[in-house]
């Protein structure tokens, strides 16, 4: 399993941003570069999983520290 490294605020923002981009795709399918809205899948999935592979590579975490 992937290590949880996305905090609650970061997670909520990722989910909202991903959903907004996917909504943009649904509303603008005929645009020349509308397929770029599908990039919204990445923040949506990382937000839902609470794990970001890029954060793991860079050694970052937005989760609160466990005491």
PDB file of N, CA and C in Angstrom:
ATOM      1  N   UNK A   1       0.826  -1.186   0.000  1.00  0.00           N
ATOM      2  CA  UNK A   1       0.000   0.000   0.000  1.00  0.00           C
ATOM      3  C   UNK A   1       0.871   1.251   0.000  1.00  0.00           C
ATOM      4  N   UNK A   2       0.309   2.296  -0.527  1.00  0.00           N
ATOM      5  CA  UNK A   2       1.005   3.567  -0.541  1.00  0.00           C
ATOM      6  C   UNK A   2       0.868   4.247   0.812  1.00  0.00           C
ATOM      7  N   UNK A   3       1.918   4.927   1.227  1.00  0.00           N
ATOM      8  CA  UNK A   3       1.924   5.623   2.496  1.00  0.00           C
ATOM      9  C   UNK A   3       1.073   6.891   2.391  1.00  0.00           C
ATOM     10  N   UNK A   4       0.268   7.154   3.414  1.00  0.00           N
ATOM     11  CA  UNK A   4      -0.577   8.348   3.434  1.00  0.00           C
ATOM     12  C   UNK A   4       0.316   9.570   3.649  1.00  0.00           C
ATOM     13  N   UNK A   5       0.295  10.487   2.693  1.00  0.00           N
ATOM     14  CA  UNK A   5       1.123  11.686   2.797  1.00  0.00           C
ATOM     15  C   UNK A   5       0.383  12.958   2.364  1.00  0.00           C
ATOM     16  N   UNK A   6      -0.943  12.884   2.271  1.00  0.00           N
ATOM     17  CA  UNK A   6      -1.760  14.033   1.890  1.00  0.00           C
ATOM     18  C   UNK A   6      -2.682  14.365   3.055  1.00  0.00           C
ATOM     19  N   UNK A   7      -2.555  15.574   3.604  1.00  0.00           N
ATOM     20  CA  UNK A   7      -3.369  16.013   4.733  1.00  0.00           C
ATOM     21  C   UNK A   7      -4.794  16.337   4.327  1.00  0.00           C
ATOM     22  N   UNK A   8      -5.627  16.654   5.304  1.00  0.00           N
ATOM     23  CA  UNK A   8      -7.059  16.842   5.058  1.00  0.00           C
ATOM     24  C   UNK A   8      -7.368  18.063   4.187  1.00  0.00           C
ATOM     25  N   UNK A   9      -6.704  19.185   4.421  1.00  0.00           N
ATOM     26  CA  UNK A   9      -6.959  20.379   3.602  1.00  0.00           C
ATOM     27  C   UNK A   9      -6.449  20.149   2.178  1.00  0.00           C
ATOM     28  N   UNK A  10      -5.253  19.599   2.060  1.00  0.00           N
ATOM     29  CA  UNK A  10      -4.677  19.285   0.748  1.00  0.00           C
ATOM     30  C   UNK A  10      -5.573  18.293   0.015  1.00  0.00           C
ATOM     31  N   UNK A  11      -6.081  17.318   0.732  1.00  0.00           N
ATOM     32  CA  UNK A  11      -6.946  16.298   0.140  1.00  0.00           C
ATOM     33  C   UNK A  11      -8.228  16.921  -0.403  1.00  0.00           C
ATOM     34  N   UNK A  12      -8.861  17.784   0.393  1.00  0.00           N
ATOM     35  CA  UNK A  12     -10.106  18.431  -0.036  1.00  0.00           C
ATOM     36  C   UNK A  12      -9.873  19.310  -1.265  1.00  0.00           C
ATOM     37  N   UNK A  13      -8.771  20.060  -1.270  1.00  0.00           N
ATOM     38  CA  UNK A  13      -8.465  20.913  -2.424  1.00  0.00           C
ATOM     39  C   UNK A  13      -8.198  20.087  -3.677  1.00  0.00           C
ATOM     40  N   UNK A  14      -7.505  18.970  -3.525  1.00  0.00           N
ATOM     41  CA  UNK A  14      -7.241  18.101  -4.679  1.00  0.00           C
ATOM     42  C   UNK A  14      -8.541  17.542  -5.259  1.00  0.00           C
ATOM     43  N   UNK A  15      -9.435  17.104  -4.383  1.00  0.00           N
ATOM     44  CA  UNK A  15     -10.704  16.542  -4.847  1.00  0.00           C
ATOM     45  C   UNK A  15     -11.538  17.609  -5.550  1.00  0.00           C
ATOM     46  N   UNK A  16     -11.629  18.799  -4.958  1.00  0.00           N
ATOM     47  CA  UNK A  16     -12.400  19.882  -5.579  1.00  0.00           C
ATOM     48  C   UNK A  16     -11.804  20.308  -6.916  1.00  0.00           C
ATOM     49  N   UNK A  17     -10.481  20.429  -6.971  1.00  0.00           N
ATOM     50  CA  UNK A  17      -9.819  20.830  -8.212  1.00  0.00           C
ATOM     51  C   UNK A  17     -10.010  19.767  -9.296  1.00  0.00           C
ATOM     52  N   UNK A  18      -9.878  18.503  -8.925  1.00  0.00           N
ATOM     53  CA  UNK A  18     -10.074  17.421  -9.885  1.00  0.00           C
ATOM     54  C   UNK A  18     -11.495  17.386 -10.419  1.00  0.00           C
ATOM     55  N   UNK A  19     -12.466  17.542  -9.522  1.00  0.00           N
ATOM     56  CA  UNK A  19     -13.866  17.559  -9.962  1.00  0.00           C
ATOM     57  C   UNK A  19     -14.162  18.772 -10.846  1.00  0.00           C
ATOM     58  N   UNK A  20     -13.557  19.914 -10.533  1.00  0.00           N
ATOM     59  CA  UNK A  20     -13.767  21.115 -11.349  1.00  0.00           C
ATOM     60  C   UNK A  20     -13.214  20.920 -12.759  1.00  0.00           C
ATOM     61  N   UNK A  21     -12.039  20.318 -12.857  1.00  0.00           N
ATOM     62  CA  UNK A  21     -11.473  20.076 -14.186  1.00  0.00           C
ATOM     63  C   UNK A  21     -12.309  19.069 -14.979  1.00  0.00           C
ATOM     64  N   UNK A  22     -12.789  18.035 -14.326  1.00  0.00           N
ATOM     65  CA  UNK A  22     -13.619  17.056 -15.026  1.00  0.00           C
ATOM     66  C   UNK A  22     -14.966  17.656 -15.433  1.00  0.00           C
ATOM     67  N   UNK A  23     -15.496  18.566 -14.616  1.00  0.00           N
ATOM     68  CA  UNK A  23     -16.724  19.262 -14.993  1.00  0.00           C
ATOM     69  C   UNK A  23     -16.463  20.157 -16.204  1.00  0.00           C
ATOM     70  N   UNK A  24     -15.293  20.788 -16.235  1.00  0.00           N
ATOM     71  CA  UNK A  24     -14.922  21.596 -17.398  1.00  0.00           C
ATOM     72  C   UNK A  24     -14.860  20.764 -18.659  1.00  0.00           C
ATOM     73  N   UNK A  25     -14.370  19.544 -18.549  1.00  0.00           N
ATOM     74  CA  UNK A  25     -14.338  18.645 -19.704  1.00  0.00           C
ATOM     75  C   UNK A  25     -15.754  18.293 -20.152  1.00  0.00           C
ATOM     76  N   UNK A  26     -16.622  17.995 -19.182  1.00  0.00           N
ATOM     77  CA  UNK A  26     -17.993  17.617 -19.517  1.00  0.00           C
ATOM     78  C   UNK A  26     -18.749  18.770 -20.177  1.00  0.00           C
ATOM     79  N   UNK A  27     -18.440  19.993 -19.782  1.00  0.00           N
ATOM     80  CA  UNK A  27     -19.141  21.153 -20.333  1.00  0.00           C
ATOM     81  C   UNK A  27     -18.532  21.687 -21.617  1.00  0.00           C
ATOM     82  N   UNK A  28     -17.310  21.292 -21.942  1.00  0.00           N
ATOM     83  CA  UNK A  28     -16.615  21.849 -23.097  1.00  0.00           C
ATOM     84  C   UNK A  28     -15.932  20.744 -23.905  1.00  0.00           C
ATOM     85  N   UNK A  29     -16.687  19.779 -24.344  1.00  0.00           N
ATOM     86  CA  UNK A  29     -16.100  18.653 -25.085  1.00  0.00           C
ATOM     87  C   UNK A  29     -15.645  19.026 -26.499  1.00  0.00           C
ATOM     88  N   UNK A  30     -16.235  20.029 -27.086  1.00  0.00           N
ATOM     89  CA  UNK A  30     -15.910  20.378 -28.469  1.00  0.00           C
ATOM     90  C   UNK A  30     -14.706  21.292 -28.600  1.00  0.00           C
ATOM     91  N   UNK A  31     -14.149  21.759 -27.506  1.00  0.00           N
ATOM     92  CA  UNK A  31     -12.993  22.660 -27.564  1.00  0.00           C
ATOM     93  C   UNK A  31     -11.774  21.962 -28.135  1.00  0.00           C
ATOM     94  N   UNK A  32     -10.862  22.744 -28.682  1.00  0.00           N
ATOM     95  CA  UNK A  32      -9.681  22.193 -29.331  1.00  0.00           C
ATOM     96  C   UNK A  32      -8.801  21.403 -28.360  1.00  0.00           C
ATOM     97  N   UNK A  33      -8.645  21.900 -27.154  1.00  0.00           N
ATOM     98  CA  UNK A  33      -7.783  21.236 -26.176  1.00  0.00           C
ATOM     99  C   UNK A  33      -8.582  20.780 -24.957  1.00  0.00           C
ATOM    100  N   UNK A  34      -9.831  20.419 -25.157  1.00  0.00           N
ATOM    101  CA  UNK A  34     -10.677  20.036 -24.029  1.00  0.00           C
ATOM    102  C   UNK A  34     -10.179  18.763 -23.348  1.00  0.00           C
ATOM    103  N   UNK A  35      -9.416  17.945 -24.045  1.00  0.00           N
ATOM    104  CA  UNK A  35      -8.884  16.718 -23.448  1.00  0.00           C
ATOM    105  C   UNK A  35      -7.920  17.026 -22.302  1.00  0.00           C
ATOM    106  N   UNK A  36      -7.374  18.244 -22.261  1.00  0.00           N
ATOM    107  CA  UNK A  36      -6.476  18.613 -21.172  1.00  0.00           C
ATOM    108  C   UNK A  36      -7.193  18.660 -19.823  1.00  0.00           C
ATOM    109  N   UNK A  37      -8.511  18.856 -19.849  1.00  0.00           N
ATOM    110  CA  UNK A  37      -9.279  18.827 -18.608  1.00  0.00           C
ATOM    111  C   UNK A  37      -9.196  17.457 -17.931  1.00  0.00           C
ATOM    112  N   UNK A  38      -8.920  16.430 -18.696  1.00  0.00           N
ATOM    113  CA  UNK A  38      -8.832  15.077 -18.130  1.00  0.00           C
ATOM    114  C   UNK A  38      -7.653  14.925 -17.175  1.00  0.00           C
ATOM    115  N   UNK A  39      -6.755  15.898 -17.166  1.00  0.00           N
ATOM    116  CA  UNK A  39      -5.663  15.900 -16.184  1.00  0.00           C
ATOM    117  C   UNK A  39      -6.250  15.951 -14.774  1.00  0.00           C
ATOM    118  N   UNK A  40      -7.497  16.379 -14.649  1.00  0.00           N
ATOM    119  CA  UNK A  40      -8.185  16.430 -13.361  1.00  0.00           C
ATOM    120  C   UNK A  40      -8.318  15.074 -12.694  1.00  0.00           C
ATOM    121  N   UNK A  41      -8.128  14.001 -13.453  1.00  0.00           N
ATOM    122  CA  UNK A  41      -8.182  12.657 -12.879  1.00  0.00           C
ATOM    123  C   UNK A  41      -7.064  12.474 -11.862  1.00  0.00           C
ATOM    124  N   UNK A  42      -5.898  13.062 -12.123  1.00  0.00           N
ATOM    125  CA  UNK A  42      -4.739  12.878 -11.242  1.00  0.00           C
ATOM    126  C   UNK A  42      -4.981  13.467  -9.852  1.00  0.00           C
ATOM    127  N   UNK A  43      -5.346  14.752  -9.717  1.00  0.00           N
ATOM    128  CA  UNK A  43      -5.583  15.242  -8.359  1.00  0.00           C
ATOM    129  C   UNK A  43      -6.778  14.573  -7.687  1.00  0.00           C
ATOM    130  N   UNK A  44      -7.777  14.184  -8.470  1.00  0.00           N
ATOM    131  CA  UNK A  44      -8.928  13.507  -7.896  1.00  0.00           C
ATOM    132  C   UNK A  44      -8.523  12.168  -7.281  1.00  0.00           C
ATOM    133  N   UNK A  45      -7.768  11.376  -8.007  1.00  0.00           N
ATOM    134  CA  UNK A  45      -7.349  10.060  -7.508  1.00  0.00           C
ATOM    135  C   UNK A  45      -6.397  10.193  -6.330  1.00  0.00           C
ATOM    136  N   UNK A  46      -5.433  11.105  -6.414  1.00  0.00           N
ATOM    137  CA  UNK A  46      -4.499  11.267  -5.297  1.00  0.00           C
ATOM    138  C   UNK A  46      -5.215  11.790  -4.060  1.00  0.00           C
ATOM    139  N   UNK A  47      -6.230  12.619  -4.241  1.00  0.00           N
ATOM    140  CA  UNK A  47      -7.017  13.093  -3.108  1.00  0.00           C
ATOM    141  C   UNK A  47      -7.845  11.993  -2.481  1.00  0.00           C
ATOM    142  N   UNK A  48      -8.449  11.156  -3.309  1.00  0.00           N
ATOM    143  CA  UNK A  48      -9.262  10.058  -2.790  1.00  0.00           C
ATOM    144  C   UNK A  48      -8.415   8.998  -2.097  1.00  0.00           C
ATOM    145  N   UNK A  49      -7.192   8.789  -2.581  1.00  0.00           N
ATOM    146  CA  UNK A  49      -6.310   7.785  -1.981  1.00  0.00           C
ATOM    147  C   UNK A  49      -5.504   8.336  -0.809  1.00  0.00           C
ATOM    148  N   UNK A  50      -5.492   9.641  -0.622  1.00  0.00           N
ATOM    149  CA  UNK A  50      -4.688  10.315   0.416  1.00  0.00           C
ATOM    150  C   UNK A  50      -3.205  10.007   0.274  1.00  0.00           C
ATOM    151  N   UNK A  51      -2.784   9.759  -0.934  1.00  0.00           N
ATOM    152  CA  UNK A  51      -1.383   9.455  -1.186  1.00  0.00           C
ATOM    153  C   UNK A  51      -0.971  10.032  -2.535  1.00  0.00           C
ATOM    154  N   UNK A  52       0.170  10.725  -2.537  1.00  0.00           N
ATOM    155  CA  UNK A  52       0.673  11.332  -3.761  1.00  0.00           C
ATOM    156  C   UNK A  52       2.054  10.746  -4.065  1.00  0.00           C
ATOM    157  N   UNK A  53       2.208  10.060  -5.196  1.00  0.00           N
ATOM    158  CA  UNK A  53       3.511   9.489  -5.535  1.00  0.00           C
ATOM    159  C   UNK A  53       4.609  10.546  -5.666  1.00  0.00           C
ATOM    160  N   UNK A  54       4.286  11.733  -6.162  1.00  0.00           N
ATOM    161  CA  UNK A  54       5.282  12.787  -6.291  1.00  0.00           C
ATOM    162  C   UNK A  54       5.769  13.242  -4.913  1.00  0.00           C
ATOM    163  N   UNK A  55       4.860  13.347  -3.948  1.00  0.00           N
ATOM    164  CA  UNK A  55       5.252  13.677  -2.584  1.00  0.00           C
ATOM    165  C   UNK A  55       6.208  12.613  -2.036  1.00  0.00           C
ATOM    166  N   UNK A  56       5.939  11.356  -2.341  1.00  0.00           N
ATOM    167  CA  UNK A  56       6.809  10.275  -1.872  1.00  0.00           C
ATOM    168  C   UNK A  56       8.212  10.404  -2.454  1.00  0.00           C
ATOM    169  N   UNK A  57       8.292  10.709  -3.729  1.00  0.00           N
ATOM    170  CA  UNK A  57       9.587  10.851  -4.394  1.00  0.00           C
ATOM    171  C   UNK A  57      10.374  12.021  -3.799  1.00  0.00           C
ATOM    172  N   UNK A  58       9.671  13.132  -3.533  1.00  0.00           N
ATOM    173  CA  UNK A  58      10.325  14.331  -3.010  1.00  0.00           C
ATOM    174  C   UNK A  58      10.471  14.319  -1.488  1.00  0.00           C
ATOM    175  N   UNK A  59       9.875  13.330  -0.835  1.00  0.00           N
ATOM    176  CA  UNK A  59       9.972  13.235   0.624  1.00  0.00           C
ATOM    177  C   UNK A  59       9.101  14.245   1.347  1.00  0.00           C
ATOM    178  N   UNK A  60       8.016  14.674   0.736  1.00  0.00           N
ATOM    179  CA  UNK A  60       7.118  15.654   1.329  1.00  0.00           C
ATOM    180  C   UNK A  60       5.900  14.975   1.958  1.00  0.00           C
ATOM    181  N   UNK A  61       5.250  15.677   2.856  1.00  0.00           N
ATOM    182  CA  UNK A  61       4.018  15.191   3.458  1.00  0.00           C
ATOM    183  C   UNK A  61       3.248  16.389   4.016  1.00  0.00           C
ATOM    184  N   UNK A  62       1.934  16.410   3.807  1.00  0.00           N
ATOM    185  CA  UNK A  62       1.101  17.452   4.392  1.00  0.00           C
ATOM    186  C   UNK A  62       0.249  16.894   5.517  1.00  0.00           C
ATOM    187  N   UNK A  63       0.481  15.650   5.883  1.00  0.00           N
ATOM    188  CA  UNK A  63      -0.222  15.042   7.012  1.00  0.00           C
ATOM    189  C   UNK A  63       0.348  15.594   8.310  1.00  0.00           C
ATOM    190  N   UNK A  64      -0.516  15.732   9.306  1.00  0.00           N
ATOM    191  CA  UNK A  64       0.008  16.165  10.608  1.00  0.00           C
ATOM    192  C   UNK A  64       0.937  15.095  11.183  1.00  0.00           C
ATOM    193  N   UNK A  65       1.912  15.535  11.943  1.00  0.00           N
ATOM    194  CA  UNK A  65       2.866  14.605  12.539  1.00  0.00           C
ATOM    195  C   UNK A  65       2.200  13.791  13.638  1.00  0.00           C
ATOM    196  N   UNK A  66       2.528  12.503  13.670  1.00  0.00           N
ATOM    197  CA  UNK A  66       2.006  11.634  14.725  1.00  0.00           C
ATOM    198  C   UNK A  66       2.885  11.798  15.968  1.00  0.00           C
ATOM    199  N   UNK A  67       2.228  11.978  17.106  1.00  0.00           N
ATOM    200  CA  UNK A  67       2.972  12.158  18.342  1.00  0.00           C
ATOM    201  C   UNK A  67       2.871  10.944  19.228  1.00  0.00           C
TER     202      UNK A  67
END
